[in-house]
C-alpha atoms as a PDB file:
ATOM      1  CA  UNK A   1      -5.916  32.941  29.190  1.00  0.00           C
ATOM      2  CA  UNK A   2      -2.330  32.624  27.866  1.00  0.00           C
ATOM      3  CA  UNK A   3      -2.968  29.081  26.822  1.00  0.00           C
ATOM      4  CA  UNK A   4      -5.723  30.797  23.921  1.00  0.00           C
ATOM      5  CA  UNK A   5      -3.099  33.671  23.497  1.00  0.00           C
ATOM      6  CA  UNK A   6      -0.990  30.789  22.490  1.00  0.00           C
ATOM      7  CA  UNK A   7      -3.484  29.016  20.198  1.00  0.00           C
ATOM      8  CA  UNK A   8      -4.654  32.637  18.055  1.00  0.00           C
ATOM      9  CA  UNK A   9      -0.467  33.177  17.464  1.00  0.00           C
ATOM     10  CA  UNK A  10       0.147  29.540  16.707  1.00  0.00           C
ATOM     11  CA  UNK A  11      -3.191  28.620  14.074  1.00  0.00           C
ATOM     12  CA  UNK A  12      -2.513  31.305  11.285  1.00  0.00           C
ATOM     13  CA  UNK A  13       0.253  29.766  11.089  1.00  0.00           C
ATOM     14  CA  UNK A  14      -0.933  26.032  10.632  1.00  0.00           C
ATOM     15  CA  UNK A  15      -3.734  27.098   8.472  1.00  0.00           C
ATOM     16  CA  UNK A  16      -0.935  28.976   6.497  1.00  0.00           C
ATOM     17  CA  UNK A  17       0.822  26.134   5.610  1.00  0.00           C
ATOM     18  CA  UNK A  18      -2.266  24.008   5.209  1.00  0.00           C
ATOM     19  CA  UNK A  19      -3.260  27.200   2.482  1.00  0.00           C
ATOM     20  CA  UNK A  20      -0.117  26.529   0.540  1.00  0.00           C
ATOM     21  CA  UNK A  21       0.324  22.687   0.368  1.00  0.00           C
ATOM     22  CA  UNK A  22      -3.240  22.792  -1.218  1.00  0.00           C
ATOM     23  CA  UNK A  23      -3.154  25.424  -3.514  1.00  0.00           C
ATOM     24  CA  UNK A  24      -1.730  26.118  -7.277  1.00  0.00           C
ATOM     25  CA  UNK A  25       1.326  27.509  -6.443  1.00  0.00           C
ATOM     26  CA  UNK A  26       2.527  24.272  -4.547  1.00  0.00           C
ATOM     27  CA  UNK A  27       2.076  22.796  -8.075  1.00  0.00           C
ATOM     28  CA  UNK A  28       3.815  25.392  -9.768  1.00  0.00           C
ATOM     29  CA  UNK A  29       6.663  25.517  -7.164  1.00  0.00           C
ATOM     30  CA  UNK A  30       7.517  21.459  -7.293  1.00  0.00           C
ATOM     31  CA  UNK A  31       6.763  21.776 -11.092  1.00  0.00           C
ATOM     32  CA  UNK A  32       9.130  24.154 -11.726  1.00  0.00           C
ATOM     33  CA  UNK A  33      11.808  23.703  -9.575  1.00  0.00           C
ATOM     34  CA  UNK A  34      11.423  20.292  -9.349  1.00  0.00           C
ATOM     35  CA  UNK A  35      13.997  19.711 -12.346  1.00  0.00           C
ATOM     36  CA  UNK A  36      16.398  21.663 -10.558  1.00  0.00           C
ATOM     37  CA  UNK A  37      15.735  20.086  -7.595  1.00  0.00           C
ATOM     38  CA  UNK A  38      16.652  16.697  -8.724  1.00  0.00           C
ATOM     39  CA  UNK A  39      20.079  17.883 -10.431  1.00  0.00           C
ATOM     40  CA  UNK A  40      21.155  18.976  -7.370  1.00  0.00           C
ATOM     41  CA  UNK A  41      19.801  15.812  -5.517  1.00  0.00           C
ATOM     42  CA  UNK A  42      21.862  13.382  -8.202  1.00  0.00           C
ATOM     43  CA  UNK A  43      24.990  15.308  -7.448  1.00  0.00           C
ATOM     44  CA  UNK A  44      26.994  13.759  -4.200  1.00  0.00           C
ATOM     45  CA  UNK A  45      28.463  17.181  -3.271  1.00  0.00           C
ATOM     46  CA  UNK A  46      25.379  19.192  -3.573  1.00  0.00           C
ATOM     47  CA  UNK A  47      22.701  16.516  -2.015  1.00  0.00           C
ATOM     48  CA  UNK A  48      22.990  17.704   1.551  1.00  0.00           C
ATOM     49  CA  UNK A  49      21.277  21.238   0.038  1.00  0.00           C
ATOM     50  CA  UNK A  50      18.049  19.164  -0.359  1.00  0.00           C
ATOM     51  CA  UNK A  51      18.063  17.190   2.296  1.00  0.00           C
ATOM     52  CA  UNK A  52      18.969  20.905   4.349  1.00  0.00           C
ATOM     53  CA  UNK A  53      16.268  22.874   2.768  1.00  0.00           C
ATOM     54  CA  UNK A  54      13.809  20.464   2.085  1.00  0.00           C
ATOM     55  CA  UNK A  55      13.661  18.217   4.566  1.00  0.00           C
ATOM     56  CA  UNK A  56      10.019  17.393   4.259  1.00  0.00           C
ATOM     57  CA  UNK A  57      10.535  15.887   0.656  1.00  0.00           C
ATOM     58  CA  UNK A  58       9.818  12.188   0.405  1.00  0.00           C
ATOM     59  CA  UNK A  59      10.520   9.646  -2.115  1.00  0.00           C
ATOM     60  CA  UNK A  60       7.775   7.929  -3.206  1.00  0.00           C
ATOM     61  CA  UNK A  61       8.250   4.144  -4.170  1.00  0.00           C
ATOM     62  CA  UNK A  62       5.397   1.552  -4.803  1.00  0.00           C
ATOM     63  CA  UNK A  63       5.659  -1.991  -3.600  1.00  0.00           C
ATOM     64  CA  UNK A  64       5.061  -4.792  -6.253  1.00  0.00           C
ATOM     65  CA  UNK A  65       1.669  -5.926  -4.532  1.00  0.00           C
ATOM     66  CA  UNK A  66       0.354  -2.097  -5.414  1.00  0.00           C
ATOM     67  CA  UNK A  67       1.538  -2.326  -9.108  1.00  0.00           C
ATOM     68  CA  UNK A  68       0.098  -5.217  -9.665  1.00  0.00           C
ATOM     69  CA  UNK A  69      -3.011  -4.087  -7.917  1.00  0.00           C
ATOM     70  CA  UNK A  70      -3.305  -0.798  -9.828  1.00  0.00           C
ATOM     71  CA  UNK A  71      -2.499  -2.859 -13.407  1.00  0.00           C
ATOM     72  CA  UNK A  72      -5.324  -5.068 -12.565  1.00  0.00           C
ATOM     73  CA  UNK A  73      -7.454  -2.417 -11.184  1.00  0.00           C
ATOM     74  CA  UNK A  74      -6.719  -0.434 -15.072  1.00  0.00           C
ATOM     75  CA  UNK A  75      -7.360  -3.567 -16.969  1.00  0.00           C
ATOM     76  CA  UNK A  76     -10.724  -4.684 -15.368  1.00  0.00           C
ATOM     77  CA  UNK A  77     -11.691  -1.047 -15.807  1.00  0.00           C
ATOM     78  CA  UNK A  78     -11.257  -0.639 -19.478  1.00  0.00           C
ATOM     79  CA  UNK A  79     -12.550  -4.346 -19.679  1.00  0.00           C
ATOM     80  CA  UNK A  80     -15.130  -3.178 -18.066  1.00  0.00           C
ATOM     81  CA  UNK A  81     -16.143   0.401 -19.648  1.00  0.00           C
ATOM     82  CA  UNK A  82     -16.071  -1.681 -22.574  1.00  0.00           C
ATOM     83  CA  UNK A  83     -18.278  -4.461 -22.238  1.00  0.00           C
ATOM     84  CA  UNK A  84     -20.416  -1.869 -20.725  1.00  0.00           C
ATOM     85  CA  UNK A  85     -20.120   0.294 -24.234  1.00  0.00           C
ATOM     86  CA  UNK A  86     -20.887  -2.895 -26.323  1.00  0.00           C
ATOM     87  CA  UNK A  87     -23.959  -3.727 -23.996  1.00  0.00           C
ATOM     88  CA  UNK A  88     -25.199  -0.209 -24.649  1.00  0.00           C
ATOM     89  CA  UNK A  89     -25.066   0.001 -28.146  1.00  0.00           C
END
């Protein structure tokens, strides 16, 4: 019975976190406060604050292979769309 009680206490918190991450509020938060967070990250004196208060923030980088596939995929998509439009009309 204590295990079920523990699960009943923890589950609402985990559900709330998942809801927050997928909600429009998170888009608003990082969209509005993102430039300020970037400014804090650029300074060597204040860069520790974002790492301390937001340890979950990641810096995304794309490997060159993904950039090549993304570019070639967009070219093929537009070429295919153009070919379809020319063939349809």
